[in-house]
Amino acid sequence: MTSSSAPVLELSEVSKDYRGLRPLRIAKLTVLPGEVIAIVGLDQTTAEVFVNLVTGATLPDRGDVRLFGRSTTAIADSTDWLAVVDRFGIVSGRAVLLDALTVVQNLAMPFTLEIEPPADDIRRRAIALARRAGLADASLDRPVAELGPAGHARVRLGRALALDPAVVILEHPTAGLPREQVAALGVQCRDLSAATIALTADLEFAEALGGRCLTLDAATGRLAGRSGWLARLRSG
């Protein structure tokens, strides 16, 4: 059992070959409960590799990934792994939305497959998720196909929050978003009552998100703070 101040995620000298130009390397990363971090320098392919590593879906070729104080190499079986995954919320364009179903129906799916229509208690939970993700009440009974990219991102955010995760990972969340909607999404993700890791190339989103902003040196795996990046972004 970890203390409330113990790291929820630790990567040490991690390397994973995914047949890219070079392996994904992370020299050191420590994430504390409730901490907000933006990591710049992972493209969409390497971001997926990172997500698989930190959720224990794959093991590193070298180094150690520790979740809630426990190495991913200690995950015993699929039941054990599913218990770990339930502590993560992943916001990713790879997460399939059912366009013909409404926002409420899509957000009810983490709780039940009986969604035509969902029971009253499930509907209330889905609406709470929608509001937490910043979706307008007017969108609740609209098919997801009628929403724009920002609406899709917020539905994915709501789904990621459904099981009250300890860690939320935002995987290039602003890809495809109109620029005028980027900052609002960052503000919405600023305080999710969970450790939040954004894998992004979008400095405007990172600014709105707040917290630490780290840049990955792909050759060495070092994560360094972007000294002066906020001032340069504002002056540009």
Protein backbone atom coordinates (compact mmCIF):
# COMPACT_ATOMS: atom_id res chain seq x y z
CA MET A 1 0.00 0.00 0.00
CA THR A 2 1.54 3.34 -1.04
CA SER A 3 1.31 6.54 0.99
CA SER A 4 -0.62 9.48 -0.41
CA SER A 5 2.65 11.27 -1.25
CA ALA A 6 4.35 8.28 -2.87
CA PRO A 7 4.80 8.43 -6.68
CA VAL A 8 2.01 6.94 -8.76
CA LEU A 9 4.41 6.38 -11.65
CA GLU A 10 8.20 6.04 -11.90
CA LEU A 11 10.32 5.29 -14.98
CA SER A 12 14.04 4.65 -14.56
CA GLU A 13 16.48 4.12 -17.46
CA VAL A 14 13.68 2.76 -19.64
CA SER A 15 14.28 1.73 -23.24
CA LYS A 16 11.78 0.13 -25.62
CA ASP A 17 12.54 -0.79 -29.24
CA TYR A 18 9.44 -0.37 -31.41
CA ARG A 19 11.26 -0.52 -34.77
CA GLY A 20 11.32 3.24 -35.13
CA LEU A 21 14.29 5.43 -35.93
CA ARG A 22 15.54 4.81 -32.37
CA PRO A 23 14.08 3.14 -29.28
CA LEU A 24 11.87 5.12 -26.96
CA ARG A 25 14.10 6.10 -24.06
CA ILE A 26 13.05 7.69 -20.77
CA ALA A 27 15.98 8.22 -18.41
CA LYS A 28 13.91 9.26 -15.41
CA LEU A 29 10.32 10.32 -14.80
CA THR A 30 8.54 10.55 -11.47
CA VAL A 31 4.85 11.50 -11.23
CA LEU A 32 3.28 12.34 -7.89
CA PRO A 33 -0.43 12.08 -6.98
CA GLY A 34 -2.37 14.95 -8.49
CA GLU A 35 0.64 16.29 -10.42
CA VAL A 36 0.13 17.81 -13.87
CA ILE A 37 2.87 17.25 -16.47
CA ALA A 38 3.09 17.97 -20.19
CA ILE A 39 5.73 16.02 -22.13
CA VAL A 40 6.84 17.40 -25.49
CA GLY A 41 8.83 15.30 -27.94
CA LEU A 42 6.78 12.14 -28.48
CA ASP A 43 5.04 11.80 -31.83
CA GLN A 44 1.81 9.85 -32.05
CA THR A 45 3.57 6.50 -32.54
CA THR A 46 5.96 6.95 -29.62
CA ALA A 47 3.12 8.30 -27.49
CA GLU A 48 1.30 5.01 -28.00
CA VAL A 49 4.45 3.09 -27.02
CA PHE A 50 4.73 5.25 -23.89
CA VAL A 51 1.10 4.57 -22.94
CA ASN A 52 1.58 0.83 -23.39
CA LEU A 53 4.68 0.91 -21.19
CA VAL A 54 3.23 2.92 -18.33
CA THR A 55 0.02 0.89 -18.21
CA GLY A 56 1.93 -2.40 -18.18
CA ALA A 57 0.54 -3.51 -21.54
CA THR A 58 4.14 -4.03 -22.68
CA LEU A 59 7.38 -4.38 -20.73
CA PRO A 60 10.53 -2.32 -21.31
CA ASP A 61 13.52 -3.93 -22.97
CA ARG A 62 15.64 -2.26 -20.32
CA GLY A 63 14.99 -0.32 -17.12
CA ASP A 64 12.01 -0.31 -14.80
CA VAL A 65 8.45 1.04 -14.86
CA ARG A 66 6.80 1.22 -11.44
CA LEU A 67 3.09 1.80 -10.98
CA PHE A 68 1.92 2.72 -7.50
CA GLY A 69 5.20 1.43 -6.10
CA ARG A 70 5.16 -1.87 -8.00
CA SER A 71 7.19 -2.87 -11.04
CA THR A 72 5.20 -3.78 -14.15
CA THR A 73 7.33 -6.93 -14.36
CA ALA A 74 5.47 -8.14 -11.25
CA ILE A 75 2.07 -8.13 -12.97
CA ALA A 76 1.11 -11.77 -12.71
CA ASP A 77 -1.74 -12.33 -15.17
CA SER A 78 -4.53 -10.68 -17.14
CA THR A 79 -6.72 -10.25 -14.06
CA ASP A 80 -3.87 -8.50 -12.25
CA TRP A 81 -3.21 -6.32 -15.29
CA LEU A 82 -6.87 -5.29 -15.67
CA ALA A 83 -6.88 -4.14 -12.06
CA VAL A 84 -3.90 -1.91 -12.90
CA VAL A 85 -5.45 -0.56 -16.10
CA ASP A 86 -8.62 0.42 -14.23
CA ARG A 87 -6.53 2.98 -12.35
CA PHE A 88 -5.72 4.78 -15.61
CA GLY A 89 -7.89 7.00 -17.77
CA ILE A 90 -6.64 7.34 -21.35
CA VAL A 91 -7.76 10.18 -23.62
CA SER A 92 -6.78 9.12 -27.13
CA GLY A 93 -8.00 9.44 -30.68
CA ARG A 94 -7.54 5.67 -30.82
CA ALA A 95 -10.49 5.28 -28.44
CA VAL A 96 -13.51 4.43 -30.59
CA LEU A 97 -16.66 6.53 -30.24
CA LEU A 98 -19.97 5.22 -31.53
CA ASP A 99 -21.08 8.06 -33.76
CA ALA A 100 -24.70 6.95 -34.11
CA LEU A 101 -25.20 6.91 -30.33
CA THR A 102 -25.77 9.98 -28.19
CA VAL A 103 -23.26 11.61 -25.88
CA VAL A 104 -25.07 10.11 -22.87
CA GLN A 105 -25.06 6.63 -24.41
CA ASN A 106 -21.34 6.83 -25.18
CA LEU A 107 -20.60 7.98 -21.63
CA ALA A 108 -22.82 5.27 -20.14
CA MET A 109 -20.80 2.49 -21.77
CA PRO A 110 -18.06 2.28 -19.09
CA PHE A 111 -20.84 1.37 -16.64
CA THR A 112 -23.17 -0.87 -18.69
CA LEU A 113 -23.97 -2.11 -22.18
CA GLU A 114 -27.70 -1.58 -21.53
CA ILE A 115 -27.82 1.86 -23.11
CA GLU A 116 -30.99 1.90 -25.23
CA PRO A 117 -31.90 3.81 -23.16
CA PRO A 118 -29.63 3.67 -20.10
CA ALA A 119 -31.28 3.27 -16.70
CA ASP A 120 -31.96 6.48 -14.80
CA ASP A 121 -29.05 6.05 -12.38
CA ILE A 122 -26.64 5.33 -15.25
CA ARG A 123 -27.94 8.33 -17.17
CA ARG A 124 -27.27 10.55 -14.15
CA ARG A 125 -23.70 9.26 -13.94
CA ALA A 126 -23.18 9.82 -17.66
CA ILE A 127 -24.50 13.38 -17.42
CA ALA A 128 -22.16 14.07 -14.50
CA LEU A 129 -19.23 12.88 -16.64
CA ALA A 130 -20.35 15.07 -19.54
CA ARG A 131 -20.47 18.15 -17.34
CA ARG A 132 -17.11 17.32 -15.78
CA ALA A 133 -15.64 17.13 -19.29
CA GLY A 134 -17.15 20.49 -20.23
CA LEU A 135 -19.89 19.26 -22.56
CA ALA A 136 -22.97 21.47 -22.79
CA ASP A 137 -26.29 20.05 -21.61
CA ALA A 138 -27.71 20.76 -25.07
CA SER A 139 -25.35 18.12 -26.50
CA LEU A 140 -26.32 15.28 -24.15
CA ASP A 141 -28.91 13.64 -26.39
CA ARG A 142 -27.27 14.48 -29.70
CA PRO A 143 -25.52 11.78 -31.71
CA VAL A 144 -21.76 12.03 -31.31
CA ALA A 145 -21.49 12.27 -35.11
CA GLU A 146 -23.01 15.77 -34.87
CA LEU A 147 -20.25 17.04 -32.57
CA GLY A 148 -17.08 18.67 -33.82
CA PRO A 149 -13.51 17.66 -32.90
CA ALA A 150 -13.66 19.49 -29.56
CA GLY A 151 -16.84 17.64 -28.64
CA HIS A 152 -15.23 14.31 -29.54
CA ALA A 153 -12.21 15.15 -27.37
CA ARG A 154 -14.48 15.97 -24.45
CA VAL A 155 -16.49 12.76 -24.82
CA ARG A 156 -13.21 10.84 -24.72
CA LEU A 157 -12.20 12.82 -21.64
CA GLY A 158 -15.49 11.99 -19.95
CA ARG A 159 -15.06 8.30 -20.70
CA ALA A 160 -11.51 8.39 -19.34
CA LEU A 161 -12.81 9.80 -16.04
CA ALA A 162 -15.61 7.25 -15.63
CA LEU A 163 -13.84 4.94 -13.18
CA ASP A 164 -12.21 7.72 -11.11
CA PRO A 165 -8.66 6.96 -12.28
CA ALA A 166 -5.56 7.80 -10.28
CA VAL A 167 -3.71 8.73 -13.48
CA VAL A 168 -5.08 10.38 -16.64
CA ILE A 169 -2.98 10.31 -19.81
CA LEU A 170 -3.84 12.74 -22.59
CA GLU A 171 -2.45 11.39 -25.84
CA HIS A 172 -2.10 14.30 -28.31
CA PRO A 173 -5.51 15.57 -27.21
CA THR A 174 -5.54 18.65 -29.46
CA ALA A 175 -4.80 16.85 -32.73
CA GLY A 176 -7.43 18.09 -35.17
CA LEU A 177 -8.84 20.76 -32.85
CA PRO A 178 -9.41 24.30 -34.14
CA ARG A 179 -6.84 26.61 -32.52
CA GLU A 180 -9.49 28.69 -30.77
CA GLN A 181 -10.64 25.64 -28.80
CA VAL A 182 -7.22 24.43 -27.62
CA ALA A 183 -6.83 26.61 -24.52
CA ALA A 184 -10.32 25.83 -23.24
CA LEU A 185 -9.61 22.11 -23.37
CA GLY A 186 -6.34 22.65 -21.52
CA VAL A 187 -8.13 24.57 -18.75
CA GLN A 188 -10.74 21.80 -18.54
CA CYS A 189 -7.96 19.23 -18.02
CA ARG A 190 -6.08 21.35 -15.46
CA ASP A 191 -7.70 19.90 -12.34
CA LEU A 192 -8.97 16.38 -12.86
CA SER A 193 -8.33 15.19 -9.27
CA ALA A 194 -5.81 12.75 -10.71
CA ALA A 195 -2.19 12.80 -11.79
CA THR A 196 -2.33 14.09 -15.37
CA ILE A 197 0.24 13.44 -18.09
CA ALA A 198 -0.22 15.17 -21.44
CA LEU A 199 1.77 13.84 -24.39
CA THR A 200 1.60 16.78 -26.75
CA ALA A 201 3.41 18.97 -29.25
CA ASP A 202 1.01 21.82 -28.57
CA LEU A 203 2.63 24.49 -26.36
CA GLU A 204 -0.58 26.52 -26.20
CA PHE A 205 -2.32 23.50 -24.70
CA ALA A 206 0.61 22.92 -22.31
CA GLU A 207 0.39 26.53 -21.12
CA ALA A 208 -3.36 26.26 -20.47
CA LEU A 209 -2.85 22.93 -18.71
CA GLY A 210 -0.29 24.39 -16.31
CA GLY A 211 2.02 22.21 -14.24
CA ARG A 212 5.44 21.07 -15.41
CA CYS A 213 6.37 21.13 -19.08
CA LEU A 214 9.16 18.70 -20.01
CA THR A 215 10.90 18.14 -23.33
CA LEU A 216 12.19 14.68 -24.25
CA ASP A 217 15.63 14.36 -25.81
CA ALA A 218 14.97 11.26 -27.90
CA ALA A 219 18.67 10.36 -28.17
CA THR A 220 19.39 10.32 -24.44
CA GLY A 221 15.94 9.87 -22.92
CA ARG A 222 16.41 12.89 -20.69
CA LEU A 223 13.36 14.94 -19.77
CA ALA A 224 14.23 18.57 -19.16
CA GLY A 225 12.11 21.53 -18.12
CA ARG A 226 11.51 24.01 -20.93
CA SER A 227 13.39 26.96 -19.45
CA GLY A 228 11.73 30.19 -20.51
CA TRP A 229 9.30 28.42 -22.81
CA LEU A 230 6.23 30.13 -21.37
CA ALA A 231 7.63 33.64 -21.81
CA ARG A 232 8.71 32.87 -25.38
CA LEU A 233 5.31 31.43 -26.20
CA ARG A 234 3.53 34.55 -24.91
CA SER A 235 5.90 36.92 -26.70
CA GLY A 236 5.52 35.00 -29.97
